[in-house]
Protein backbone atom coordinates (compact mmCIF):
# COMPACT_ATOMS: atom_id res chain seq x y z
CA MET A 1 0.00 0.00 0.00
CA SER A 2 1.40 3.40 -0.98
CA GLU A 3 1.92 6.15 1.60
CA TYR A 4 -0.90 8.11 -0.06
CA ALA A 5 -3.24 5.11 0.10
CA ALA A 6 -2.36 4.50 3.75
CA GLU A 7 -3.21 8.11 4.59
CA ALA A 8 -6.46 7.73 2.69
CA VAL A 9 -7.42 4.74 4.83
CA ASP A 10 -6.92 6.91 7.91
CA ARG A 11 -9.41 9.39 6.46
CA LEU A 12 -12.21 6.91 5.74
CA ALA A 13 -15.75 8.10 6.33
CA PHE A 14 -16.08 6.19 9.60
CA SER A 15 -12.97 7.87 10.94
CA THR A 16 -12.48 11.40 12.22
CA PRO A 17 -9.56 13.87 12.17
CA GLU A 18 -9.10 13.26 15.90
CA LYS A 19 -8.88 9.49 15.40
CA SER A 20 -6.50 9.78 12.46
CA GLU A 21 -4.09 11.68 14.70
CA ARG A 22 -3.60 8.52 16.74
CA TYR A 23 -1.73 6.85 13.91
CA ARG A 24 0.62 9.64 12.92
CA THR A 25 4.11 8.18 13.24
CA GLU A 26 5.64 11.49 14.30
CA ASN A 27 3.50 11.41 17.45
CA TYR A 28 5.56 8.42 18.71
CA PRO A 29 9.24 9.37 18.28
CA GLY A 30 10.41 7.63 21.47
CA ALA A 31 13.81 8.30 22.99
CA ILE A 32 15.87 8.56 19.80
CA GLY A 33 16.60 12.15 18.86
CA LEU A 34 16.68 13.39 22.44
CA ASN A 35 19.75 14.55 24.31
CA TRP A 36 19.99 11.76 26.86
CA TYR A 37 21.97 13.83 29.34
CA LEU A 38 19.79 16.93 29.27
CA THR A 39 16.63 14.83 29.57
CA ASP A 40 17.98 12.98 32.63
CA PRO A 41 17.78 15.12 35.80
CA THR A 42 18.68 12.12 37.96
CA LEU A 43 22.02 11.69 36.21
CA GLN A 44 22.67 15.43 36.39
CA HIS A 45 21.98 15.38 40.12
CA MET A 46 24.20 12.31 40.52
CA MET A 47 27.12 14.14 38.94
CA ALA A 48 26.53 17.13 41.22
CA TYR A 49 26.31 14.75 44.19
CA TYR A 50 29.77 13.31 43.52
CA LEU A 51 31.80 15.99 41.76
CA GLN A 52 33.44 19.10 43.15
CA PRO A 53 32.29 22.38 41.53
CA ASP A 54 35.30 22.63 39.18
CA GLU A 55 34.92 18.98 38.18
CA LEU A 56 31.21 19.44 37.54
CA ALA A 57 31.80 22.57 35.47
CA PHE A 58 34.26 20.58 33.37
CA ALA A 59 32.03 17.50 32.97
CA GLN A 60 28.72 19.18 32.11
CA PRO A 61 29.51 20.40 28.57
CA HIS A 62 31.21 17.13 27.67
CA LEU A 63 28.28 15.06 28.91
CA THR A 64 25.86 17.36 27.10
CA ARG A 65 27.68 16.71 23.81
CA ILE A 66 27.92 13.00 24.55
CA GLY A 67 24.23 12.86 25.50
CA ASP A 68 23.37 14.35 22.11
CA LEU A 69 25.64 11.85 20.34
CA MET A 70 24.28 8.79 22.14
CA GLY A 71 20.63 9.77 21.82
CA GLY A 72 21.05 10.61 18.14
CA PRO A 73 23.58 9.01 15.76
CA VAL A 74 24.79 6.22 18.06
CA ALA A 75 21.24 5.11 18.86
CA ARG A 76 20.34 5.09 15.15
CA TRP A 77 23.50 3.22 14.20
CA ALA A 78 22.72 0.65 16.90
CA GLU A 79 19.36 -0.11 15.30
CA GLU A 80 21.04 -0.56 11.91
CA THR A 81 23.75 -2.84 13.31
CA ASP A 82 21.13 -4.98 15.05
CA ARG A 83 19.49 -5.55 11.65
CA ASN A 84 22.84 -6.13 9.88
CA PRO A 85 25.19 -7.76 12.41
CA PRO A 86 28.86 -8.76 11.96
CA ARG A 87 29.64 -11.64 9.59
CA LEU A 88 32.51 -14.10 9.39
CA GLU A 89 34.74 -14.62 6.35
CA ARG A 90 36.30 -17.94 7.24
CA TYR A 91 38.44 -18.59 4.14
CA ASP A 92 40.14 -16.58 1.43
CA ARG A 93 39.94 -17.36 -2.30
CA TRP A 94 42.64 -20.04 -1.97
CA GLY A 95 40.96 -21.75 0.95
CA HIS A 96 43.29 -20.39 3.63
CA ASP A 97 41.67 -19.94 7.03
CA ILE A 98 41.65 -16.18 7.59
CA SER A 99 38.91 -16.02 10.25
CA ARG A 100 38.14 -12.41 9.42
CA VAL A 101 35.16 -10.84 11.17
CA VAL A 102 33.63 -8.14 8.97
CA MET A 103 31.95 -5.43 11.02
CA PRO A 104 29.10 -3.42 9.46
CA ALA A 105 29.75 0.20 8.57
CA SER A 106 27.17 1.30 11.13
CA PHE A 107 29.25 -0.31 13.88
CA THR A 108 32.58 1.13 12.78
CA GLN A 109 31.09 4.62 12.38
CA SER A 110 29.54 4.42 15.82
CA LYS A 111 32.69 3.07 17.45
CA ARG A 112 34.80 5.85 15.95
CA ALA A 113 32.36 8.54 17.08
CA VAL A 114 32.18 7.16 20.63
CA LEU A 115 35.95 6.78 20.94
CA ASP A 116 36.54 10.29 19.59
CA ALA A 117 34.09 11.80 22.08
CA GLN A 118 35.55 9.91 25.02
CA GLN A 119 39.12 10.62 23.96
CA ALA A 120 38.27 14.34 23.82
CA LEU A 121 36.88 14.11 27.34
CA ARG A 122 40.05 12.46 28.65
CA HIS A 123 42.35 14.84 26.78
CA GLU A 124 40.57 17.95 28.04
CA ALA A 125 40.51 16.51 31.56
CA ARG A 126 44.30 16.20 31.50
CA ARG A 127 44.61 19.80 30.33
CA ALA A 128 42.24 20.96 33.08
CA SER A 129 43.96 18.78 35.72
CA VAL A 130 40.70 17.09 36.73
CA SER A 131 39.88 13.42 36.98
CA PRO A 132 37.71 12.17 34.09
CA SER A 133 36.80 8.86 35.74
CA LEU A 134 33.25 9.61 36.88
CA ALA A 135 32.42 11.56 33.72
CA MET A 136 33.67 8.59 31.69
CA PHE A 137 31.48 6.30 33.79
CA ALA A 138 28.47 8.52 33.05
CA SER A 139 29.44 8.57 29.38
CA ASN A 140 29.38 4.77 29.30
CA TYR A 141 25.99 4.81 31.02
CA LEU A 142 24.67 7.00 28.20
CA LEU A 143 26.26 4.69 25.61
CA ASN A 144 24.67 1.64 27.22
CA GLN A 145 21.23 3.13 26.73
CA ALA A 146 21.90 2.99 23.00
CA ASP A 147 23.84 -0.26 22.65
CA ILE A 148 25.31 -2.48 25.36
CA GLY A 149 26.93 -4.54 22.60
CA MET A 150 29.09 -1.54 21.75
CA GLY A 151 29.68 -1.06 25.46
CA CYS A 152 30.90 -4.66 25.64
CA ALA A 153 33.18 -4.26 22.64
CA LEU A 154 34.78 -1.11 24.06
CA GLY A 155 34.99 -2.34 27.64
CA THR A 156 36.19 -5.93 27.43
CA GLY A 157 39.44 -5.83 29.27
CA GLY A 158 41.56 -3.03 27.79
CA GLY A 159 42.80 -1.86 31.17
CA MET A 160 43.21 -5.45 32.33
CA VAL A 161 45.33 -6.34 29.31
CA GLN A 162 47.57 -3.31 29.75
CA SER A 163 48.18 -3.88 33.48
CA LEU A 164 48.95 -7.59 33.07
CA VAL A 165 51.12 -7.05 30.01
CA ALA A 166 53.13 -4.30 31.69
CA ALA A 167 53.77 -6.53 34.70
CA HIS A 168 54.48 -9.90 33.10
CA ALA A 169 54.94 -9.96 29.29
CA PRO A 170 58.40 -10.10 27.66
CA ALA A 171 59.81 -6.62 27.12
CA ASP A 172 59.42 -6.59 23.32
CA VAL A 173 55.82 -7.79 23.56
CA ALA A 174 54.97 -5.29 26.29
CA ASP A 175 56.47 -2.42 24.29
CA HIS A 176 54.51 -3.43 21.17
CA VAL A 177 51.17 -3.93 22.94
CA LEU A 178 51.35 -0.84 25.13
CA ALA A 179 52.29 1.31 22.12
CA LYS A 180 49.17 0.07 20.32
CA PHE A 181 47.04 1.11 23.28
CA ASP A 182 48.80 4.44 23.73
CA SER A 183 48.14 5.33 20.09
CA GLY A 184 44.46 4.37 20.41
CA GLU A 185 44.80 1.81 17.61
CA TRP A 186 43.67 -1.05 19.85
CA ALA A 187 40.87 0.77 21.64
CA GLY A 188 38.01 -1.70 21.86
CA GLU A 189 40.18 -4.48 20.42
CA THR A 190 40.55 -6.72 23.48
CA ALA A 191 38.61 -9.56 25.07
CA GLN A 192 38.93 -12.16 27.79
CA LEU A 193 38.35 -15.74 26.67
CA LEU A 194 37.25 -18.03 29.48
CA THR A 195 34.21 -20.12 28.59
CA GLU A 196 34.51 -23.66 27.24
CA ARG A 197 32.04 -26.41 26.40
CA THR A 198 32.85 -28.15 29.68
CA GLY A 199 30.88 -25.46 31.51
CA GLY A 200 30.79 -21.69 31.45
CA SER A 201 31.23 -20.94 35.15
CA ASP A 202 33.20 -24.07 36.07
CA LEU A 203 36.52 -22.61 35.02
CA GLY A 204 38.51 -25.26 36.84
CA ALA A 205 37.25 -27.79 34.27
CA LEU A 206 38.68 -25.99 31.25
CA GLU A 207 40.67 -28.05 28.74
CA THR A 208 42.77 -25.49 26.84
CA THR A 209 46.44 -26.37 27.35
CA ALA A 210 49.73 -24.49 27.08
CA ARG A 211 53.24 -25.80 26.55
CA ARG A 212 56.40 -23.76 26.87
CA SER A 213 58.26 -22.65 23.72
CA GLY A 214 61.25 -20.46 24.56
CA ASP A 215 60.03 -17.32 26.30
CA ALA A 216 56.56 -17.91 24.89
CA TRP A 217 53.96 -20.65 25.10
CA LEU A 218 51.86 -22.50 22.54
CA LEU A 219 48.14 -22.75 23.28
CA ASN A 220 45.80 -25.43 21.99
CA GLY A 221 42.12 -25.58 22.81
CA PHE A 222 38.67 -24.31 22.08
CA LYS A 223 36.71 -21.43 23.62
CA TRP A 224 32.97 -21.87 23.24
CA PHE A 225 31.77 -18.31 23.78
CA ALA A 226 34.18 -15.48 23.06
CA SER A 227 32.77 -11.96 22.93
CA ASN A 228 34.55 -9.37 20.78
CA CYS A 229 36.40 -12.08 18.89
CA ALA A 230 37.14 -9.57 16.13
CA GLY A 231 39.73 -8.00 18.43
CA GLU A 232 43.52 -7.98 18.34
CA ALA A 233 44.51 -8.97 21.90
CA PHE A 234 43.01 -11.60 24.18
CA VAL A 235 43.53 -12.68 27.77
CA VAL A 236 42.97 -16.44 27.78
CA LEU A 237 42.69 -18.94 30.61
CA ALA A 238 44.59 -22.16 29.99
CA LYS A 239 46.36 -24.92 31.92
CA PRO A 240 50.13 -25.24 31.43
CA GLU A 241 51.40 -28.77 30.94
CA GLY A 242 52.26 -30.25 34.31
CA ALA A 243 49.90 -27.99 36.25
CA PRO A 244 47.25 -29.55 38.54
CA ASP A 245 43.97 -30.37 36.80
CA SER A 246 42.07 -27.96 39.03
CA THR A 247 41.59 -24.27 39.55
CA ARG A 248 45.09 -24.17 41.05
CA GLY A 249 46.50 -25.05 37.65
CA VAL A 250 44.79 -22.29 35.70
CA ALA A 251 46.95 -19.46 34.35
CA ASN A 252 46.40 -16.28 32.32
CA PHE A 253 47.94 -15.88 28.88
CA LEU A 254 48.12 -13.06 26.36
CA VAL A 255 47.32 -14.11 22.81
CA LEU A 256 47.69 -11.65 19.93
CA ARG A 257 46.08 -11.93 16.50
CA THR A 258 49.56 -11.67 14.92
CA ARG A 259 52.76 -13.39 16.04
CA ARG A 260 55.90 -11.49 16.92
CA ASP A 261 57.42 -12.39 13.53
CA GLY A 262 54.47 -10.76 11.75
CA SER A 263 52.79 -13.99 10.65
CA ARG A 264 49.19 -14.80 11.45
CA ASN A 265 48.79 -16.49 14.83
CA GLY A 266 47.00 -19.79 15.33
CA VAL A 267 43.69 -18.15 16.25
CA ARG A 268 40.73 -19.51 14.29
CA VAL A 269 37.14 -18.34 14.53
CA ARG A 270 34.97 -21.35 13.79
CA ARG A 271 31.69 -19.46 13.62
CA LEU A 272 29.87 -16.47 15.03
CA LYS A 273 27.05 -17.10 17.48
CA ASP A 274 23.49 -16.51 16.31
CA LYS A 275 22.50 -14.64 19.47
CA LEU A 276 19.23 -13.47 20.95
CA GLY A 277 20.59 -9.95 21.39
CA THR A 278 23.75 -7.79 21.64
CA ARG A 279 24.28 -8.54 17.96
CA SER A 280 26.65 -5.61 17.54
CA VAL A 281 29.44 -7.33 19.48
CA ALA A 282 30.93 -10.23 17.53
CA SER A 283 30.69 -13.33 19.71
CA GLY A 284 32.08 -16.58 18.38
CA GLU A 285 33.78 -19.92 18.89
CA VAL A 286 37.56 -19.55 18.89
CA GLU A 287 40.04 -22.36 18.38
CA PHE A 288 43.73 -22.11 19.26
CA VAL A 289 46.14 -24.19 17.20
CA ASP A 290 49.69 -23.77 18.48
CA ALA A 291 48.83 -20.12 19.11
CA GLU A 292 51.78 -18.06 20.36
CA ALA A 293 50.98 -16.88 23.89
CA PHE A 294 52.68 -15.14 26.80
CA LEU A 295 52.23 -16.03 30.45
CA LEU A 296 50.64 -13.24 32.49
CA SER A 297 51.50 -14.59 35.92
CA GLY A 298 54.17 -14.38 38.55
CA GLU A 299 56.78 -16.95 39.37
CA PRO A 300 55.54 -20.57 39.53
CA SER A 301 55.02 -22.09 42.96
CA ALA A 302 56.15 -25.50 44.12
CA ASP A 303 52.64 -26.95 44.43
CA SER A 304 51.18 -25.46 41.26
CA GLY A 305 53.70 -26.55 38.63
CA PRO A 306 54.27 -24.14 35.73
CA SER A 307 51.44 -21.90 36.96
CA ASP A 308 51.77 -19.72 40.06
CA GLY A 309 48.39 -21.05 41.22
CA LYS A 310 46.82 -17.60 41.19
CA GLY A 311 45.64 -17.39 37.59
CA LEU A 312 41.98 -17.97 38.32
CA ALA A 313 42.04 -15.77 41.43
CA ARG A 314 43.69 -12.99 39.42
CA MET A 315 41.10 -13.33 36.67
CA MET A 316 38.24 -13.36 39.19
CA GLU A 317 39.54 -10.17 40.81
CA LEU A 318 39.44 -8.52 37.41
CA THR A 319 36.09 -10.15 36.72
CA ASN A 320 34.64 -8.56 39.84
CA ALA A 321 35.60 -5.16 38.45
CA ALA A 322 34.01 -6.13 35.13
CA ARG A 323 30.80 -7.07 36.95
CA LEU A 324 30.21 -3.44 37.84
CA GLY A 325 30.44 -2.69 34.14
CA ILE A 326 27.81 -5.35 33.42
CA ALA A 327 25.56 -3.80 36.06
CA LEU A 328 26.05 -0.48 34.25
CA PHE A 329 24.91 -2.21 31.03
CA ALA A 330 21.75 -3.36 32.78
CA LEU A 331 21.18 0.08 34.25
CA GLY A 332 21.39 1.49 30.72
CA ASN A 333 18.80 -1.05 29.57
CA ALA A 334 16.47 -0.12 32.43
CA ARG A 335 16.85 3.63 31.87
CA ARG A 336 16.15 3.30 28.13
CA ALA A 337 13.09 1.13 28.88
CA LEU A 338 11.83 3.79 31.30
CA VAL A 339 12.30 6.66 28.84
CA GLU A 340 10.64 4.76 26.00
CA SER A 341 7.73 3.96 28.33
CA LEU A 342 7.31 7.58 29.42
CA CYS A 343 7.43 8.78 25.81
CA TYR A 344 4.89 6.23 24.62
CA ALA A 345 2.50 6.59 27.55
CA GLY A 346 2.57 10.34 27.13
CA ALA A 347 1.68 10.13 23.43
CA ARG A 348 -0.78 7.25 23.44
CA ARG A 349 -4.47 7.98 23.99
CA ALA A 350 -6.86 5.24 25.08
CA PHE A 351 -10.13 4.97 26.97
CA GLY A 352 -10.81 8.66 26.52
CA GLY A 353 -7.52 10.12 27.70
CA ALA A 354 -3.73 9.95 27.70
CA LEU A 355 -2.34 6.60 28.82
CA ILE A 356 0.00 8.32 31.27
CA ASP A 357 -2.98 9.77 33.16
CA LYS A 358 -4.46 6.36 34.04
CA PRO A 359 -3.92 5.39 37.71
CA LEU A 360 -2.69 1.87 36.95
CA MET A 361 -0.22 3.18 34.39
CA ARG A 362 1.00 5.80 36.85
CA ARG A 363 1.55 3.07 39.43
CA LYS A 364 3.71 1.09 37.01
CA LEU A 365 5.69 4.09 35.78
CA ALA A 366 6.28 5.28 39.35
CA GLU A 367 7.68 1.86 40.29
CA MET A 368 9.98 1.92 37.26
CA ILE A 369 11.25 5.40 38.16
CA VAL A 370 11.99 4.43 41.75
CA ASP A 371 13.68 1.15 40.76
CA VAL A 372 15.91 2.83 38.18
CA GLU A 373 17.01 5.50 40.65
CA ALA A 374 17.78 2.86 43.28
CA ALA A 375 19.84 0.96 40.72
CA LEU A 376 21.63 4.17 39.73
CA ALA A 377 22.58 4.72 43.36
CA LEU A 378 23.95 1.17 43.69
CA VAL A 379 26.02 1.20 40.53
CA PHE A 380 27.59 4.61 41.10
CA ASP A 381 28.39 3.75 44.72
CA GLY A 382 30.13 0.63 43.44
CA THR A 383 32.77 2.83 41.81
CA GLY A 384 34.06 3.72 45.27
CA ALA A 385 33.75 7.44 44.54
CA THR A 386 33.16 9.69 47.51
CA ASN A 387 30.28 12.15 47.63
CA HIS A 388 29.73 15.50 49.34
CA ARG A 389 28.16 13.98 52.45
CA GLN A 390 30.35 10.90 52.58
CA PRO A 391 34.02 11.81 52.03
CA ARG A 392 35.28 8.42 53.21
CA SER A 393 35.81 5.91 50.40
CA ILE A 394 35.12 2.29 51.33
CA ARG A 395 36.35 -0.35 48.90
CA GLN A 396 33.51 -2.77 48.36
CA ARG A 397 34.02 -6.45 47.62
CA ILE A 398 30.72 -8.13 48.35
CA ALA A 399 28.60 -5.20 47.19
CA VAL A 400 29.57 -5.68 43.53
CA PRO A 401 28.04 -9.15 43.03
CA VAL A 402 25.01 -8.02 45.06
CA THR A 403 24.63 -4.98 42.81
CA LYS A 404 25.00 -7.03 39.64
CA LEU A 405 22.41 -9.54 40.84
CA LYS A 406 19.85 -6.87 41.60
CA VAL A 407 20.42 -4.48 38.71
CA CYS A 408 20.74 -7.08 35.94
CA ARG A 409 17.40 -8.55 36.93
CA LEU A 410 15.91 -5.04 36.83
CA GLY A 411 17.20 -4.57 33.28
CA ILE A 412 15.05 -7.50 32.17
CA THR A 413 11.92 -6.62 34.13
CA ALA A 414 12.04 -2.96 33.06
CA ALA A 415 12.37 -3.97 29.40
CA SER A 416 9.49 -6.42 29.80
CA ASP A 417 7.39 -3.69 31.42
CA ALA A 418 8.19 -1.38 28.51
CA ILE A 419 6.95 -3.97 26.02
CA GLU A 420 3.74 -4.37 27.99
CA ILE A 421 3.24 -0.60 28.12
CA HIS A 422 3.64 -0.45 24.33
CA GLY A 423 1.18 -3.31 23.96
CA GLY A 424 1.35 -5.23 20.69
CA ASN A 425 3.63 -2.56 19.22
CA GLY A 426 6.22 -3.39 21.85
CA TYR A 427 6.42 -6.96 20.59
CA ILE A 428 7.29 -5.77 17.08
CA GLU A 429 10.93 -5.31 16.10
CA THR A 430 10.29 -2.02 14.28
CA TRP A 431 9.55 -0.46 17.67
CA PRO A 432 12.53 0.08 20.00
CA VAL A 433 11.72 -1.95 23.10
CA ALA A 434 11.92 -5.49 21.72
CA ARG A 435 15.68 -5.11 21.23
CA ILE A 436 16.07 -3.73 24.74
CA LEU A 437 14.64 -6.95 26.16
CA ARG A 438 16.73 -9.12 23.85
CA ASP A 439 19.87 -7.26 24.89
CA ALA A 440 19.04 -7.12 28.60
CA GLN A 441 18.85 -10.89 29.05
CA VAL A 442 22.58 -11.41 28.53
CA ASN A 443 23.54 -9.29 31.53
CA THR A 444 22.48 -12.02 33.92
CA ILE A 445 24.92 -14.35 32.11
CA TRP A 446 27.97 -12.19 31.43
CA GLU A 447 30.48 -12.43 34.29
CA GLY A 448 28.31 -14.83 36.26
CA PRO A 449 24.59 -15.57 36.63
CA ASP A 450 22.66 -15.14 39.87
CA ASN A 451 23.74 -18.44 41.41
CA ILE A 452 27.43 -17.79 40.76
CA LEU A 453 27.08 -14.32 42.25
CA CYS A 454 25.48 -15.85 45.32
CA LEU A 455 28.40 -18.26 45.72
CA ASP A 456 30.72 -15.26 45.49
CA VAL A 457 28.75 -13.62 48.30
CA ARG A 458 29.32 -16.75 50.37
CA ARG A 459 33.06 -16.67 49.68
CA GLY A 460 33.14 -13.03 50.68
CA ILE A 461 31.41 -13.74 53.98
CA GLU A 462 33.37 -16.86 54.87
CA GLN A 463 36.86 -16.02 53.61
CA THR A 464 37.29 -12.27 54.08
CA ARG A 465 34.27 -11.18 56.16
CA ALA A 466 33.47 -8.76 53.34
CA HIS A 467 29.94 -8.27 54.67
CA GLU A 468 31.40 -6.20 57.49
CA THR A 469 32.64 -3.64 54.95
CA LEU A 470 29.19 -3.48 53.38
CA LEU A 471 27.51 -3.07 56.76
CA ALA A 472 29.98 -0.29 57.58
CA ARG A 473 29.00 1.49 54.36
CA LEU A 474 25.31 1.17 55.23
CA HIS A 475 25.84 2.54 58.73
CA ASP A 476 27.84 5.43 57.28
CA ALA A 477 24.99 6.21 54.87
CA VAL A 478 22.28 6.43 57.51
CA SER A 479 24.62 8.32 59.85
CA VAL A 480 24.62 11.29 57.44
CA SER A 481 20.95 10.89 56.46
CA ASP A 482 18.21 12.96 58.03
CA ASP A 483 16.46 11.57 61.10
CA ASP A 484 13.10 10.85 59.51
CA GLU A 485 10.78 7.85 59.44
CA THR A 486 12.39 6.40 56.31
CA THR A 487 15.92 6.59 57.70
CA ARG A 488 14.83 4.99 60.97
CA LEU A 489 13.22 2.13 59.04
CA VAL A 490 16.39 1.59 57.01
CA ALA A 491 18.59 1.72 60.12
CA GLY A 492 16.46 -0.99 61.68
CA ARG A 493 16.76 -3.14 58.55
CA ILE A 494 20.55 -2.78 58.62
CA ASP A 495 20.50 -4.34 62.07
CA ASP A 496 18.15 -7.04 60.76
CA LEU A 497 20.53 -7.75 57.90
CA ASP A 498 23.43 -8.09 60.30
CA ALA A 499 21.40 -10.57 62.35
CA ALA A 500 20.35 -12.45 59.20
CA ILE A 501 23.98 -12.90 58.11
CA ALA A 502 24.90 -14.18 61.59
CA ALA A 503 21.98 -16.63 61.54
CA TRP A 504 22.88 -17.76 58.03
CA THR A 505 26.43 -18.69 59.10
CA LYS A 506 24.99 -21.23 61.57
CA LEU A 507 22.89 -23.12 59.02
CA ASP A 508 23.58 -26.55 57.58
CA ARG A 509 25.85 -26.19 54.53
CA ASP A 510 23.25 -27.21 51.92
CA ILE A 511 20.47 -25.16 53.48
CA ALA A 512 22.81 -22.19 53.76
CA GLU A 513 23.62 -22.41 50.05
CA ALA A 514 19.94 -22.54 49.14
CA ARG A 515 19.31 -19.42 51.25
CA LEU A 516 22.04 -17.39 49.55
CA PHE A 517 19.68 -15.89 47.00
CA PRO A 518 17.23 -14.32 49.48
CA LEU A 519 20.21 -13.21 51.59
CA ALA A 520 21.82 -11.45 48.61
CA GLN A 521 18.47 -9.86 47.73
CA PHE A 522 18.12 -8.63 51.30
CA MET A 523 21.60 -7.10 51.07
CA GLY A 524 20.72 -5.35 47.82
CA ASP A 525 17.42 -4.00 49.09
CA VAL A 526 18.91 -2.50 52.26
CA TYR A 527 21.99 -1.22 50.42
CA ALA A 528 19.88 0.68 47.88
CA ALA A 529 17.57 2.08 50.55
CA ALA A 530 20.49 3.38 52.63
CA LEU A 531 22.01 5.11 49.62
CA LEU A 532 18.69 6.74 48.72
CA THR A 533 18.31 8.18 52.23
CA GLU A 534 21.86 9.54 52.00
CA GLN A 535 21.05 11.20 48.68
CA ALA A 536 17.76 12.55 50.01
CA ALA A 537 19.57 14.34 52.82
CA TRP A 538 22.00 15.88 50.33
CA GLU A 539 19.19 17.04 48.05
CA ARG A 540 17.27 18.56 50.97
CA GLU A 541 20.35 20.37 52.24
CA THR A 542 21.74 21.49 48.86
CA LEU A 543 18.66 22.06 46.71
CA GLY A 544 15.93 22.46 49.30
CA ALA A 545 13.98 19.72 47.52
CA GLU A 546 12.05 16.71 48.81
CA ARG A 547 11.80 14.57 45.69
CA LYS A 548 14.61 12.12 46.53
CA ALA A 549 13.09 11.69 49.98
CA LEU A 550 9.90 10.66 48.19
CA VAL A 551 11.86 8.15 46.11
CA ALA A 552 13.52 6.75 49.23
CA ARG A 553 10.17 6.49 51.02
CA LEU A 554 8.48 4.71 48.10
CA TYR A 555 11.41 2.33 47.78
CA THR A 556 11.50 1.38 51.46
CA GLN A 557 7.72 0.97 51.59
CA ARG A 558 7.89 -1.46 48.71
CA TYR A 559 10.97 -3.48 49.67
CA LEU A 560 11.57 -3.09 53.41
CA ALA A 561 8.36 -2.12 55.21
CA ASP A 562 5.96 -4.49 56.92
CA ARG A 563 2.76 -3.61 55.06
CA GLY A 564 0.54 -5.57 57.48
CA PRO A 565 -1.95 -8.37 56.78
CA LEU A 566 -3.76 -6.26 54.14
CA ARG A 567 -0.47 -5.41 52.38
CA GLY A 568 -1.29 -1.72 52.47
CA ILE A 569 -4.31 -2.10 50.22
CA ASP A 570 -6.45 -0.31 52.82
CA ALA A 571 -4.26 2.85 52.79
CA ASP A 572 -6.42 5.83 51.85
CA SER A 573 -3.64 7.81 50.15
CA ASP A 574 -0.85 7.06 47.70
CA ASP A 575 2.28 9.23 47.46
CA ALA A 576 3.17 7.83 44.05
CA LEU A 577 -0.15 9.02 42.61
CA ASP A 578 -0.40 12.24 44.58
CA ARG A 579 3.10 13.36 43.53
CA PHE A 580 3.38 11.54 40.22
CA ASP A 581 4.23 14.61 38.16
CA GLU A 582 7.03 15.46 40.58
CA LEU A 583 8.40 11.94 40.25
CA VAL A 584 8.35 12.10 36.46
CA ASP A 585 9.78 15.60 36.20
CA GLY A 586 12.73 14.55 38.36
CA ALA A 587 13.35 11.51 36.16
CA PHE A 588 12.72 12.84 32.66
CA ASP A 589 12.75 16.40 31.32
CA ARG A 590 9.69 16.32 29.10
CA GLU A 591 10.26 19.87 27.90
CA GLN A 592 13.26 18.66 25.92
CA THR A 593 10.97 16.48 23.79
CA GLN A 594 9.34 19.59 22.35
CA THR A 595 12.56 20.92 20.81
CA ARG A 596 13.94 17.90 18.98
CA PRO A 597 13.67 17.51 15.20
CA ILE A 598 11.36 14.83 13.77
CA SER A 599 13.37 11.78 12.69
């Protein structure tokens, strides 16, 4: 049907001008085309909450430009890449295995634009003598709202590779690799290859082997799921010959796409994965055939053979840092789902009025707003950055898996809610929210699913008493919060959490393991609530506003309060409904939607 004919159908005799307006595409532009920083008051407040005035003055213009980039070109390129993902050229014309991953132009254009913007931020930060770390973190949050696949490709281990190479690689290799990073040539060209067919999380069962060859090693084996396999440098887990067949025998190796002599290394990509989502990052099956590799470990120990016995522990320490990045991916998914939902509900008319004015819809949107802000508090606190009310930095160990568990699950539920809010349109790939759900699901898998995170919580409690650090952070938060009903409730729940951990340690081993999930959820709920009360006190003191206190109250009522036998259904008032516009205005600047061009 032609465009003219389609418009004619909308003007049939049984229709009206008012009804035909419902189907005008330009009435439903969604999030793309907006400046994602300027439309996000919560992120703006978060930057003000953490940064000193000179740092904030530096970051604001950069984040404004980056917000425009991510909400515009990068978001559009992401849609194109999702429809036309990377492809594998396995052989050349003579049948040689070249294993070349061909990235679509939309991906390479987007990657270049993102890297240029972030490089400009870092360069200007050096000139201004300010730290760019939190602004870079916020920049990645904005990127993740457009495409967590790109976030994965740019964030898979660059810093890890550089630190390990500098410490352990032969001098000529270290000089070559670090020069590639310093020039920016290998930005986004790294990955860590862990997973094998023997079991993704059971890394002690891996079968890739390494044998010494001069000052290098030769790797042979097969990695079942390797993200960013189009890259140039990989950190690979393997077992040196003679090492124990256990986690003690696992070591880290650097494998480059090209050998030191310039020839192609024995790295073969068997096939790319046909994935549910995150199609923009090339994930594949990688085979090593006498691949030149370099040990990234210290001196071997007597009981661990050629490995120093710390390879897996070293990788898991780096993995814990990567987990915060995965939580940031999920936060980006949840924020994009929220914005798309607010845009659609504001434009859609049903049952005689705007969808956003219906009480049930307001209930759902209010819950999404509160959950996203709680997740934002968790993820930013995980960076270890200090804020204006809490100048003491506390390095968190157990909080990171707890944060990932909670936020990655939110990424899925928020995307699912967004599809439901869009109705049948949400289930269609030409609308934006179907991809958000497809992408969000992987976050619960990358760097450990819920059960693995729970086991990490157990190790933290039993081996290093890491829960004490978390409890100290929670006590610090409520100590600088205002003495109101919400803060008192949270303070009581911190004591309850402390008692719950003590009771858990006395349980039978199997029962204790089964209870890890509710224990980790309890930790996450109290952690988020304490951070929200801390932020509410800052907002009240600095801005004279009460909105964050409302968010903290709604969060604690939902997750921590005893609602009684009637579950609060008999309450004759509802803060979320009474102050809904205040909630929305503090989450999404709707005025910005009036100034954008029609896509």
